[in-house]
Amino acid sequence: MDDLTWILIAIVSLAVAGYLALIASAIVSVIRSAELALVSRAAWLAAIIAFPVLGTIAWYGIGYRTHEVERALGIRPV
Protein backbone atom coordinates (compact mmCIF):
# COMPACT_ATOMS: atom_id res chain seq x y z
CA MET A 1 0.00 0.00 0.00
CA ASP A 2 1.17 3.46 -0.73
CA ASP A 3 1.35 6.45 1.60
CA LEU A 4 -1.98 7.92 0.48
CA THR A 5 -3.80 4.73 1.46
CA TRP A 6 -2.29 4.81 4.95
CA ILE A 7 -3.21 8.47 5.35
CA LEU A 8 -6.80 7.75 4.34
CA ILE A 9 -6.97 4.80 6.74
CA ALA A 10 -5.70 7.04 9.57
CA ILE A 11 -8.22 9.78 8.78
CA VAL A 12 -11.14 7.35 8.61
CA SER A 13 -10.01 5.67 11.83
CA LEU A 14 -9.90 8.99 13.65
CA ALA A 15 -13.32 9.95 12.31
CA VAL A 16 -14.82 6.64 13.45
CA ALA A 17 -13.19 6.97 16.87
CA GLY A 18 -14.59 10.50 17.23
CA TYR A 19 -18.04 9.31 16.14
CA LEU A 20 -18.04 6.50 18.70
CA ALA A 21 -16.76 8.81 21.43
CA LEU A 22 -19.54 11.32 20.72
CA ILE A 23 -22.21 8.62 20.92
CA ALA A 24 -20.68 7.17 24.11
CA SER A 25 -20.55 10.61 25.73
CA ALA A 26 -24.22 11.21 24.85
CA ILE A 27 -25.21 7.88 26.42
CA VAL A 28 -23.21 8.63 29.57
CA SER A 29 -24.71 12.12 29.71
CA VAL A 30 -28.25 10.73 29.54
CA ILE A 31 -27.54 8.10 32.19
CA ARG A 32 -25.96 10.64 34.56
CA SER A 33 -28.69 13.24 34.06
CA ALA A 34 -30.35 13.17 37.49
CA GLU A 35 -33.10 15.62 36.60
CA LEU A 36 -34.66 13.33 33.95
CA ALA A 37 -37.54 11.04 34.82
CA LEU A 38 -36.95 7.34 34.20
CA VAL A 39 -39.28 7.21 31.18
CA SER A 40 -37.54 10.21 29.57
CA ARG A 41 -34.13 8.72 30.22
CA ALA A 42 -35.21 5.43 28.63
CA ALA A 43 -36.67 7.25 25.61
CA TRP A 44 -33.47 9.23 25.07
CA LEU A 45 -31.32 6.11 25.36
CA ALA A 46 -33.54 4.29 22.88
CA ALA A 47 -33.31 7.22 20.45
CA ILE A 48 -29.52 7.40 20.70
CA ILE A 49 -29.10 3.65 20.27
CA ALA A 50 -31.67 3.27 17.47
CA PHE A 51 -30.59 6.39 15.55
CA PRO A 52 -27.01 7.14 16.65
CA VAL A 53 -26.42 10.22 14.53
CA LEU A 54 -29.85 11.86 14.85
CA GLY A 55 -30.33 10.76 18.46
CA THR A 56 -27.00 12.22 19.54
CA ILE A 57 -27.61 15.47 17.69
CA ALA A 58 -31.08 15.71 19.21
CA TRP A 59 -29.77 15.04 22.73
CA TYR A 60 -27.11 17.73 22.50
CA GLY A 61 -29.53 20.08 20.75
CA ILE A 62 -32.65 19.79 22.92
CA GLY A 63 -32.27 16.87 25.32
CA TYR A 64 -30.79 18.80 28.19
CA ARG A 65 -34.06 20.79 28.38
CA THR A 66 -36.28 17.71 28.74
CA HIS A 67 -36.58 18.20 32.51
CA GLU A 68 -38.16 21.63 31.93
CA VAL A 69 -40.82 20.04 29.73
CA GLU A 70 -41.41 17.32 32.34
CA ARG A 71 -42.01 19.94 35.01
CA ALA A 72 -44.38 21.89 32.76
CA LEU A 73 -46.39 18.73 32.05
CA GLY A 74 -46.40 17.64 35.68
CA ILE A 75 -44.44 14.44 35.00
CA ARG A 76 -41.84 15.37 37.57
CA PRO A 77 -42.48 17.69 40.50
CA VAL A 78 -40.48 20.86 41.04
C-alpha atoms as a PDB file:
ATOM      1  CA  MET A   1       0.000   0.000   0.000  1.00  0.00           C
ATOM      2  CA  ASP A   2       1.175   3.463  -0.729  1.00  0.00           C
ATOM      3  CA  ASP A   3       1.348   6.450   1.597  1.00  0.00           C
ATOM      4  CA  LEU A   4      -1.983   7.919   0.479  1.00  0.00           C
ATOM      5  CA  THR A   5      -3.797   4.728   1.462  1.00  0.00           C
ATOM      6  CA  TRP A   6      -2.291   4.813   4.954  1.00  0.00           C
ATOM      7  CA  ILE A   7      -3.210   8.467   5.354  1.00  0.00           C
ATOM      8  CA  LEU A   8      -6.800   7.750   4.338  1.00  0.00           C
ATOM      9  CA  ILE A   9      -6.966   4.804   6.740  1.00  0.00           C
ATOM     10  CA  ALA A  10      -5.697   7.038   9.566  1.00  0.00           C
ATOM     11  CA  ILE A  11      -8.225   9.784   8.777  1.00  0.00           C
ATOM     12  CA  VAL A  12     -11.139   7.352   8.607  1.00  0.00           C
ATOM     13  CA  SER A  13     -10.008   5.665  11.831  1.00  0.00           C
ATOM     14  CA  LEU A  14      -9.898   8.993  13.653  1.00  0.00           C
ATOM     15  CA  ALA A  15     -13.317   9.948  12.313  1.00  0.00           C
ATOM     16  CA  VAL A  16     -14.825   6.638  13.452  1.00  0.00           C
ATOM     17  CA  ALA A  17     -13.192   6.969  16.874  1.00  0.00           C
ATOM     18  CA  GLY A  18     -14.594  10.498  17.229  1.00  0.00           C
ATOM     19  CA  TYR A  19     -18.039   9.310  16.137  1.00  0.00           C
ATOM     20  CA  LEU A  20     -18.037   6.499  18.700  1.00  0.00           C
ATOM     21  CA  ALA A  21     -16.758   8.814  21.431  1.00  0.00           C
ATOM     22  CA  LEU A  22     -19.543  11.323  20.720  1.00  0.00           C
ATOM     23  CA  ILE A  23     -22.205   8.616  20.921  1.00  0.00           C
ATOM     24  CA  ALA A  24     -20.685   7.171  24.106  1.00  0.00           C
ATOM     25  CA  SER A  25     -20.550  10.607  25.729  1.00  0.00           C
ATOM     26  CA  ALA A  26     -24.219  11.209  24.846  1.00  0.00           C
ATOM     27  CA  ILE A  27     -25.206   7.883  26.416  1.00  0.00           C
ATOM     28  CA  VAL A  28     -23.210   8.635  29.574  1.00  0.00           C
ATOM     29  CA  SER A  29     -24.706  12.123  29.707  1.00  0.00           C
ATOM     30  CA  VAL A  30     -28.249  10.733  29.541  1.00  0.00           C
ATOM     31  CA  ILE A  31     -27.542   8.104  32.193  1.00  0.00           C
ATOM     32  CA  ARG A  32     -25.960  10.637  34.561  1.00  0.00           C
ATOM     33  CA  SER A  33     -28.689  13.237  34.061  1.00  0.00           C
ATOM     34  CA  ALA A  34     -30.347  13.168  37.487  1.00  0.00           C
ATOM     35  CA  GLU A  35     -33.097  15.618  36.595  1.00  0.00           C
ATOM     36  CA  LEU A  36     -34.657  13.331  33.950  1.00  0.00           C
ATOM     37  CA  ALA A  37     -37.541  11.038  34.817  1.00  0.00           C
ATOM     38  CA  LEU A  38     -36.953   7.338  34.196  1.00  0.00           C
ATOM     39  CA  VAL A  39     -39.280   7.214  31.184  1.00  0.00           C
ATOM     40  CA  SER A  40     -37.541  10.209  29.571  1.00  0.00           C
ATOM     41  CA  ARG A  41     -34.127   8.718  30.217  1.00  0.00           C
ATOM     42  CA  ALA A  42     -35.212   5.427  28.632  1.00  0.00           C
ATOM     43  CA  ALA A  43     -36.668   7.250  25.613  1.00  0.00           C
ATOM     44  CA  TRP A  44     -33.466   9.230  25.067  1.00  0.00           C
ATOM     45  CA  LEU A  45     -31.320   6.111  25.364  1.00  0.00           C
ATOM     46  CA  ALA A  46     -33.539   4.288  22.879  1.00  0.00           C
ATOM     47  CA  ALA A  47     -33.313   7.223  20.452  1.00  0.00           C
ATOM     48  CA  ILE A  48     -29.517   7.400  20.699  1.00  0.00           C
ATOM     49  CA  ILE A  49     -29.096   3.647  20.270  1.00  0.00           C
ATOM     50  CA  ALA A  50     -31.670   3.271  17.470  1.00  0.00           C
ATOM     51  CA  PHE A  51     -30.591   6.389  15.554  1.00  0.00           C
ATOM     52  CA  PRO A  52     -27.006   7.136  16.651  1.00  0.00           C
ATOM     53  CA  VAL A  53     -26.418  10.222  14.535  1.00  0.00           C
ATOM     54  CA  LEU A  54     -29.846  11.857  14.854  1.00  0.00           C
ATOM     55  CA  GLY A  55     -30.330  10.756  18.465  1.00  0.00           C
ATOM     56  CA  THR A  56     -26.996  12.217  19.538  1.00  0.00           C
ATOM     57  CA  ILE A  57     -27.607  15.473  17.686  1.00  0.00           C
ATOM     58  CA  ALA A  58     -31.083  15.712  19.208  1.00  0.00           C
ATOM     59  CA  TRP A  59     -29.772  15.042  22.729  1.00  0.00           C
ATOM     60  CA  TYR A  60     -27.106  17.735  22.504  1.00  0.00           C
ATOM     61  CA  GLY A  61     -29.527  20.083  20.748  1.00  0.00           C
ATOM     62  CA  ILE A  62     -32.649  19.787  22.916  1.00  0.00           C
ATOM     63  CA  GLY A  63     -32.266  16.868  25.324  1.00  0.00           C
ATOM     64  CA  TYR A  64     -30.794  18.797  28.191  1.00  0.00           C
ATOM     65  CA  ARG A  65     -34.057  20.789  28.380  1.00  0.00           C
ATOM     66  CA  THR A  66     -36.277  17.708  28.740  1.00  0.00           C
ATOM     67  CA  HIS A  67     -36.577  18.198  32.506  1.00  0.00           C
ATOM     68  CA  GLU A  68     -38.160  21.630  31.934  1.00  0.00           C
ATOM     69  CA  VAL A  69     -40.823  20.036  29.733  1.00  0.00           C
ATOM     70  CA  GLU A  70     -41.411  17.322  32.344  1.00  0.00           C
ATOM     71  CA  ARG A  71     -42.015  19.943  35.007  1.00  0.00           C
ATOM     72  CA  ALA A  72     -44.382  21.888  32.762  1.00  0.00           C
ATOM     73  CA  LEU A  73     -46.391  18.727  32.047  1.00  0.00           C
ATOM     74  CA  GLY A  74     -46.401  17.639  35.679  1.00  0.00           C
ATOM     75  CA  ILE A  75     -44.443  14.442  35.004  1.00  0.00           C
ATOM     76  CA  ARG A  76     -41.843  15.369  37.568  1.00  0.00           C
ATOM     77  CA  PRO A  77     -42.479  17.691  40.500  1.00  0.00           C
ATOM     78  CA  VAL A  78     -40.476  20.857  41.041  1.00  0.00           C
END
